[in-house]
PDB file of all heavy atoms in Angstrom:
ATOM      1  N   ASP A   1     100.064  77.289 106.973  1.00  0.00           N
ATOM      2  CA  ASP A   1     101.397  76.826 106.587  1.00  0.00           C
ATOM      3  C   ASP A   1     101.641  75.396 107.078  1.00  0.00           C
ATOM      4  O   ASP A   1     102.670  75.087 107.655  1.00  0.00           O
ATOM      5  CB  ASP A   1     102.475  77.787 107.076  1.00  0.00           C
ATOM      6  CG  ASP A   1     102.385  79.127 106.376  1.00  0.00           C
ATOM      7  OD1 ASP A   1     101.877  79.167 105.234  1.00  0.00           O
ATOM      8  OD2 ASP A   1     102.796  80.132 106.969  1.00  0.00           O
ATOM      9  N   GLN A   2     100.642  74.549 106.864  1.00  0.00           N
ATOM     10  CA  GLN A   2     100.673  73.110 107.134  1.00  0.00           C
ATOM     11  C   GLN A   2     100.751  72.761 108.623  1.00  0.00           C
ATOM     12  O   GLN A   2     101.055  71.640 108.985  1.00  0.00           O
ATOM     13  CB  GLN A   2     101.814  72.446 106.377  1.00  0.00           C
ATOM     14  CG  GLN A   2     101.702  72.643 104.892  1.00  0.00           C
ATOM     15  CD  GLN A   2     102.849  72.047 104.124  1.00  0.00           C
ATOM     16  OE1 GLN A   2     103.733  71.411 104.686  1.00  0.00           O
ATOM     17  NE2 GLN A   2     102.835  72.227 102.827  1.00  0.00           N
ATOM     18  N   ARG A   3     100.440  73.714 109.489  1.00  0.00           N
ATOM     19  CA  ARG A   3     100.416  73.439 110.928  1.00  0.00           C
ATOM     20  C   ARG A   3      98.988  73.565 111.436  1.00  0.00           C
ATOM     21  O   ARG A   3      98.295  74.525 111.092  1.00  0.00           O
ATOM     22  CB  ARG A   3     101.311  74.423 111.676  1.00  0.00           C
ATOM     23  CG  ARG A   3     102.781  74.294 111.312  1.00  0.00           C
ATOM     24  CD  ARG A   3     103.595  75.264 112.115  1.00  0.00           C
ATOM     25  NE  ARG A   3     103.390  75.029 113.542  1.00  0.00           N
ATOM     26  CZ  ARG A   3     104.325  74.619 114.372  1.00  0.00           C
ATOM     27  NH1 ARG A   3     105.530  74.427 113.953  1.00  0.00           N
ATOM     28  NH2 ARG A   3     104.047  74.422 115.637  1.00  0.00           N
ATOM     29  N   PRO A   4      98.523  72.628 112.261  1.00  0.00           N
ATOM     30  CA  PRO A   4      97.156  72.728 112.791  1.00  0.00           C
ATOM     31  C   PRO A   4      97.054  73.867 113.802  1.00  0.00           C
ATOM     32  O   PRO A   4      97.919  74.025 114.658  1.00  0.00           O
ATOM     33  CB  PRO A   4      96.943  71.374 113.471  1.00  0.00           C
ATOM     34  CG  PRO A   4      98.315  70.898 113.803  1.00  0.00           C
ATOM     35  CD  PRO A   4      99.236  71.458 112.746  1.00  0.00           C
ATOM     36  N   TYR A   5      96.008  74.686 113.657  1.00  0.00           N
ATOM     37  CA  TYR A   5      95.840  75.815 114.561  1.00  0.00           C
ATOM     38  C   TYR A   5      94.479  75.877 115.231  1.00  0.00           C
ATOM     39  O   TYR A   5      94.378  76.363 116.339  1.00  0.00           O
ATOM     40  CB  TYR A   5      96.098  77.138 113.841  1.00  0.00           C
ATOM     41  CG  TYR A   5      97.563  77.459 113.761  1.00  0.00           C
ATOM     42  CD1 TYR A   5      98.249  77.292 112.587  1.00  0.00           C
ATOM     43  CD2 TYR A   5      98.259  77.908 114.880  1.00  0.00           C
ATOM     44  CE1 TYR A   5      99.606  77.565 112.520  1.00  0.00           C
ATOM     45  CE2 TYR A   5      99.609  78.180 114.823  1.00  0.00           C
ATOM     46  CZ  TYR A   5     100.278  78.010 113.637  1.00  0.00           C
ATOM     47  OH  TYR A   5     101.610  78.270 113.566  1.00  0.00           O
ATOM     48  N   ALA A   6      93.417  75.457 114.561  1.00  0.00           N
ATOM     49  CA  ALA A   6      92.099  75.647 115.171  1.00  0.00           C
ATOM     50  C   ALA A   6      91.121  74.607 114.652  1.00  0.00           C
ATOM     51  O   ALA A   6      91.239  74.118 113.533  1.00  0.00           O
ATOM     52  CB  ALA A   6      91.572  77.040 114.861  1.00  0.00           C
ATOM     53  N   SER A   7      90.167  74.297 115.493  1.00  0.00           N
ATOM     54  CA  SER A   7      89.039  73.453 115.132  1.00  0.00           C
ATOM     55  C   SER A   7      87.818  74.109 115.765  1.00  0.00           C
ATOM     56  O   SER A   7      87.821  74.390 116.966  1.00  0.00           O
ATOM     57  CB  SER A   7      89.231  72.035 115.674  1.00  0.00           C
ATOM     58  OG  SER A   7      88.145  71.220 115.309  1.00  0.00           O
ATOM     59  N   THR A   8      86.798  74.389 114.946  1.00  0.00           N
ATOM     60  CA  THR A   8      85.639  75.095 115.484  1.00  0.00           C
ATOM     61  C   THR A   8      84.362  74.641 114.801  1.00  0.00           C
ATOM     62  O   THR A   8      84.380  74.230 113.643  1.00  0.00           O
ATOM     63  CB  THR A   8      85.817  76.626 115.355  1.00  0.00           C
ATOM     64  OG1 THR A   8      84.799  77.276 116.085  1.00  0.00           O
ATOM     65  CG2 THR A   8      85.796  77.080 113.915  1.00  0.00           C
ATOM     66  N   ASP A   9      83.269  74.707 115.538  1.00  0.00           N
ATOM     67  CA  ASP A   9      81.960  74.376 114.993  1.00  0.00           C
ATOM     68  C   ASP A   9      81.403  75.579 114.235  1.00  0.00           C
ATOM     69  O   ASP A   9      81.681  76.727 114.596  1.00  0.00           O
ATOM     70  CB  ASP A   9      80.995  73.993 116.109  1.00  0.00           C
ATOM     71  CG  ASP A   9      81.394  72.701 116.802  1.00  0.00           C
ATOM     72  OD1 ASP A   9      82.041  71.854 116.167  1.00  0.00           O
ATOM     73  OD2 ASP A   9      81.057  72.554 117.988  1.00  0.00           O
ATOM     74  N   LEU A  10      80.616  75.318 113.199  1.00  0.00           N
ATOM     75  CA  LEU A  10      79.961  76.375 112.447  1.00  0.00           C
ATOM     76  C   LEU A  10      78.577  76.632 113.014  1.00  0.00           C
ATOM     77  O   LEU A  10      77.908  75.711 113.475  1.00  0.00           O
ATOM     78  CB  LEU A  10      79.836  75.999 110.970  1.00  0.00           C
ATOM     79  CG  LEU A  10      81.079  76.280 110.122  1.00  0.00           C
ATOM     80  CD1 LEU A  10      82.156  75.269 110.394  1.00  0.00           C
ATOM     81  CD2 LEU A  10      80.714  76.286 108.671  1.00  0.00           C
ATOM     82  N   THR A  11      78.153  77.885 112.995  1.00  0.00           N
ATOM     83  CA  THR A  11      76.810  78.285 113.380  1.00  0.00           C
ATOM     84  C   THR A  11      76.179  78.949 112.171  1.00  0.00           C
ATOM     85  O   THR A  11      76.755  79.889 111.623  1.00  0.00           O
ATOM     86  CB  THR A  11      76.846  79.268 114.566  1.00  0.00           C
ATOM     87  OG1 THR A  11      77.537  78.646 115.658  1.00  0.00           O
ATOM     88  CG2 THR A  11      75.444  79.646 115.003  1.00  0.00           C
ATOM     89  N   ASP A  12      75.048  78.442 111.744  1.00  0.00           N
ATOM     90  CA  ASP A  12      74.378  78.963 110.553  1.00  0.00           C
ATOM     91  C   ASP A  12      75.303  78.998 109.347  1.00  0.00           C
ATOM     92  O   ASP A  12      75.289  79.938 108.553  1.00  0.00           O
ATOM     93  CB  ASP A  12      73.800  80.360 110.808  1.00  0.00           C
ATOM     94  CG  ASP A  12      72.707  80.349 111.868  1.00  0.00           C
ATOM     95  OD1 ASP A  12      71.961  79.346 111.929  1.00  0.00           O
ATOM     96  OD2 ASP A  12      72.616  81.326 112.620  1.00  0.00           O
ATOM     97  N   GLY A  13      76.161  77.986 109.228  1.00  0.00           N
ATOM     98  CA  GLY A  13      77.045  77.872 108.070  1.00  0.00           C
ATOM     99  C   GLY A  13      78.241  78.797 108.087  1.00  0.00           C
ATOM    100  O   GLY A  13      78.925  78.933 107.078  1.00  0.00           O
ATOM    101  N   GLN A  14      78.551  79.402 109.246  1.00  0.00           N
ATOM    102  CA  GLN A  14      79.664  80.339 109.325  1.00  0.00           C
ATOM    103  C   GLN A  14      80.463  80.133 110.610  1.00  0.00           C
ATOM    104  O   GLN A  14      79.928  79.670 111.610  1.00  0.00           O
ATOM    105  CB  GLN A  14      79.152  81.774 109.288  1.00  0.00           C
ATOM    106  CG  GLN A  14      78.414  82.108 108.010  1.00  0.00           C
ATOM    107  CD  GLN A  14      77.988  83.551 107.986  1.00  0.00           C
ATOM    108  OE1 GLN A  14      78.827  84.440 108.087  1.00  0.00           O
ATOM    109  NE2 GLN A  14      76.697  83.790 107.862  1.00  0.00           N
ATOM    110  N   ALA A  15      81.736  80.520 110.537  1.00  0.00           N
ATOM    111  CA  ALA A  15      82.587  80.472 111.727  1.00  0.00           C
ATOM    112  C   ALA A  15      83.642  81.560 111.625  1.00  0.00           C
ATOM    113  O   ALA A  15      84.107  81.889 110.540  1.00  0.00           O
ATOM    114  CB  ALA A  15      83.259  79.112 111.852  1.00  0.00           C
ATOM    115  N   ALA A  16      84.011  82.121 112.769  1.00  0.00           N
ATOM    116  CA  ALA A  16      85.127  83.046 112.868  1.00  0.00           C
ATOM    117  C   ALA A  16      86.249  82.308 113.581  1.00  0.00           C
ATOM    118  O   ALA A  16      86.031  81.717 114.639  1.00  0.00           O
ATOM    119  CB  ALA A  16      84.729  84.291 113.635  1.00  0.00           C
ATOM    120  N   VAL A  17      87.428  82.312 112.980  1.00  0.00           N
ATOM    121  CA  VAL A  17      88.561  81.567 113.523  1.00  0.00           C
ATOM    122  C   VAL A  17      89.740  82.523 113.667  1.00  0.00           C
ATOM    123  O   VAL A  17      90.060  83.255 112.734  1.00  0.00           O
ATOM    124  CB  VAL A  17      88.956  80.404 112.580  1.00  0.00           C
ATOM    125  CG1 VAL A  17      90.104  79.615 113.158  1.00  0.00           C
ATOM    126  CG2 VAL A  17      87.760  79.506 112.300  1.00  0.00           C
ATOM    127  N   THR A  18      90.381  82.517 114.826  1.00  0.00           N
ATOM    128  CA  THR A  18      91.572  83.330 115.045  1.00  0.00           C
ATOM    129  C   THR A  18      92.750  82.394 115.282  1.00  0.00           C
ATOM    130  O   THR A  18      92.690  81.517 116.130  1.00  0.00           O
ATOM    131  CB  THR A  18      91.387  84.256 116.258  1.00  0.00           C
ATOM    132  OG1 THR A  18      90.253  85.097 116.028  1.00  0.00           O
ATOM    133  CG2 THR A  18      92.619  85.118 116.487  1.00  0.00           C
ATOM    134  N   VAL A  19      93.820  82.603 114.508  1.00  0.00           N
ATOM    135  CA  VAL A  19      95.025  81.787 114.658  1.00  0.00           C
ATOM    136  C   VAL A  19      96.238  82.712 114.748  1.00  0.00           C
ATOM    137  O   VAL A  19      96.254  83.782 114.152  1.00  0.00           O
ATOM    138  CB  VAL A  19      95.211  80.798 113.484  1.00  0.00           C
ATOM    139  CG1 VAL A  19      94.099  79.790 113.441  1.00  0.00           C
ATOM    140  CG2 VAL A  19      95.313  81.520 112.161  1.00  0.00           C
ATOM    141  N   PRO A  20      97.256  82.305 115.519  1.00  0.00           N
ATOM    142  CA  PRO A  20      98.480  83.111 115.566  1.00  0.00           C
ATOM    143  C   PRO A  20      99.189  83.037 114.215  1.00  0.00           C
ATOM    144  O   PRO A  20      99.144  82.019 113.541  1.00  0.00           O
ATOM    145  CB  PRO A  20      99.313  82.456 116.667  1.00  0.00           C
ATOM    146  CG  PRO A  20      98.760  81.089 116.823  1.00  0.00           C
ATOM    147  CD  PRO A  20      97.332  81.131 116.372  1.00  0.00           C
ATOM    148  N   VAL A  21      99.803  84.127 113.821  1.00  0.00           N
ATOM    149  CA  VAL A  21     100.549  84.147 112.567  1.00  0.00           C
ATOM    150  C   VAL A  21     101.960  83.669 112.867  1.00  0.00           C
ATOM    151  O   VAL A  21     102.685  84.325 113.601  1.00  0.00           O
ATOM    152  CB  VAL A  21     100.568  85.558 111.956  1.00  0.00           C
ATOM    153  CG1 VAL A  21     101.412  85.584 110.706  1.00  0.00           C
ATOM    154  CG2 VAL A  21      99.155  86.011 111.654  1.00  0.00           C
ATOM    155  N   ALA A  22     102.333  82.526 112.306  1.00  0.00           N
ATOM    156  CA  ALA A  22     103.613  81.940 112.663  1.00  0.00           C
ATOM    157  C   ALA A  22     104.614  81.915 111.515  1.00  0.00           C
ATOM    158  O   ALA A  22     105.797  81.820 111.743  1.00  0.00           O
ATOM    159  CB  ALA A  22     103.387  80.518 113.175  1.00  0.00           C
ATOM    160  N   ALA A  23     104.138  82.006 110.287  1.00  0.00           N
ATOM    161  CA  ALA A  23     105.060  81.865 109.161  1.00  0.00           C
ATOM    162  C   ALA A  23     104.773  82.918 108.112  1.00  0.00           C
ATOM    163  O   ALA A  23     103.688  83.479 108.045  1.00  0.00           O
ATOM    164  CB  ALA A  23     104.916  80.466 108.568  1.00  0.00           C
ATOM    165  N   ALA A  24     105.745  83.163 107.274  1.00  0.00           N
ATOM    166  CA  ALA A  24     105.612  84.231 106.284  1.00  0.00           C
ATOM    167  C   ALA A  24     104.797  83.810 105.064  1.00  0.00           C
ATOM    168  O   ALA A  24     104.151  84.631 104.440  1.00  0.00           O
ATOM    169  CB  ALA A  24     106.992  84.692 105.855  1.00  0.00           C
ATOM    170  N   ASP A  25     104.836  82.546 104.698  1.00  0.00           N
ATOM    171  CA  ASP A  25     104.170  82.092 103.476  1.00  0.00           C
ATOM    172  C   ASP A  25     102.657  82.227 103.578  1.00  0.00           C
ATOM    173  O   ASP A  25     101.997  82.643 102.655  1.00  0.00           O
ATOM    174  CB  ASP A  25     104.572  80.653 103.165  1.00  0.00           C
ATOM    175  CG  ASP A  25     104.107  80.221 101.794  1.00  0.00           C
ATOM    176  OD1 ASP A  25     103.981  81.100 100.919  1.00  0.00           O
ATOM    177  OD2 ASP A  25     103.879  79.021 101.600  1.00  0.00           O
ATOM    178  N   ARG A  26     102.076  81.833 104.661  1.00  0.00           N
ATOM    179  CA  ARG A  26     100.670  81.990 105.017  1.00  0.00           C
ATOM    180  C   ARG A  26      99.684  81.454 103.985  1.00  0.00           C
ATOM    181  O   ARG A  26      98.949  82.195 103.368  1.00  0.00           O
ATOM    182  CB  ARG A  26     100.370  83.430 105.369  1.00  0.00           C
ATOM    183  CG  ARG A  26     101.147  83.820 106.584  1.00  0.00           C
ATOM    184  CD  ARG A  26     100.666  84.922 107.410  1.00  0.00           C
ATOM    185  NE  ARG A  26      99.551  85.689 106.970  1.00  0.00           N
ATOM    186  CZ  ARG A  26      99.471  86.987 107.106  1.00  0.00           C
ATOM    187  NH1 ARG A  26     100.474  87.652 107.602  1.00  0.00           N
ATOM    188  NH2 ARG A  26      98.397  87.630 106.748  1.00  0.00           N
ATOM    189  N   ALA A  27      99.689  80.172 103.861  1.00  0.00           N
ATOM    190  CA  ALA A  27      98.637  79.490 103.124  1.00  0.00           C
ATOM    191  C   ALA A  27      97.757  78.818 104.168  1.00  0.00           C
ATOM    192  O   ALA A  27      98.246  78.270 105.153  1.00  0.00           O
ATOM    193  CB  ALA A  27      99.210  78.459 102.168  1.00  0.00           C
ATOM    194  N   ALA A  28      96.443  78.878 103.972  1.00  0.00           N
ATOM    195  CA  ALA A  28      95.523  78.240 104.913  1.00  0.00           C
ATOM    196  C   ALA A  28      94.831  77.073 104.235  1.00  0.00           C
ATOM    197  O   ALA A  28      94.375  77.186 103.101  1.00  0.00           O
ATOM    198  CB  ALA A  28      94.482  79.233 105.409  1.00  0.00           C
ATOM    199  N   ARG A  29      94.787  75.951 104.928  1.00  0.00           N
ATOM    200  CA  ARG A  29      93.991  74.811 104.482  1.00  0.00           C
ATOM    201  C   ARG A  29      92.856  74.660 105.471  1.00  0.00           C
ATOM    202  O   ARG A  29      93.062  74.666 106.685  1.00  0.00           O
ATOM    203  CB  ARG A  29      94.815  73.532 104.438  1.00  0.00           C
ATOM    204  CG  ARG A  29      93.991  72.371 103.846  1.00  0.00           C
ATOM    205  CD  ARG A  29      94.758  71.075 103.797  1.00  0.00           C
ATOM    206  NE  ARG A  29      94.481  70.346 105.032  1.00  0.00           N
ATOM    207  CZ  ARG A  29      95.374  69.676 105.734  1.00  0.00           C
ATOM    208  NH1 ARG A  29      96.625  69.661 105.376  1.00  0.00           N
ATOM    209  NH2 ARG A  29      95.025  69.047 106.824  1.00  0.00           N
ATOM    210  N   ILE A  30      91.664  74.525 104.945  1.00  0.00           N
ATOM    211  CA  ILE A  30      90.493  74.361 105.786  1.00  0.00           C
ATOM    212  C   ILE A  30      89.827  73.047 105.396  1.00  0.00           C
ATOM    213  O   ILE A  30      89.501  72.837 104.226  1.00  0.00           O
ATOM    214  CB  ILE A  30      89.517  75.528 105.621  1.00  0.00           C
ATOM    215  CG1 ILE A  30      90.227  76.819 106.035  1.00  0.00           C
ATOM    216  CG2 ILE A  30      88.266  75.331 106.458  1.00  0.00           C
ATOM    217  CD1 ILE A  30      89.881  77.969 105.198  1.00  0.00           C
ATOM    218  N   ASP A  31      89.682  72.158 106.364  1.00  0.00           N
ATOM    219  CA  ASP A  31      88.985  70.893 106.152  1.00  0.00           C
ATOM    220  C   ASP A  31      87.612  71.009 106.793  1.00  0.00           C
ATOM    221  O   ASP A  31      87.491  71.442 107.944  1.00  0.00           O
ATOM    222  CB  ASP A  31      89.743  69.731 106.788  1.00  0.00           C
ATOM    223  CG  ASP A  31      91.052  69.420 106.074  1.00  0.00           C
ATOM    224  OD1 ASP A  31      91.188  69.810 104.896  1.00  0.00           O
ATOM    225  OD2 ASP A  31      91.921  68.781 106.687  1.00  0.00           O
ATOM    226  N   GLY A  32      86.569  70.628 106.061  1.00  0.00           N
ATOM    227  CA  GLY A  32      85.206  70.693 106.560  1.00  0.00           C
ATOM    228  C   GLY A  32      84.670  69.312 106.872  1.00  0.00           C
ATOM    229  O   GLY A  32      84.878  68.367 106.103  1.00  0.00           O
TER     230      GLY A  32
END
């Protein structure tokens, strides 16, 4: 929902990311 929550490195092309749920709309933007 347009708020920065996590930055993580990928291992073997994959990553698990946990973010707190703060808003009802819940759209995720992921920049690589």
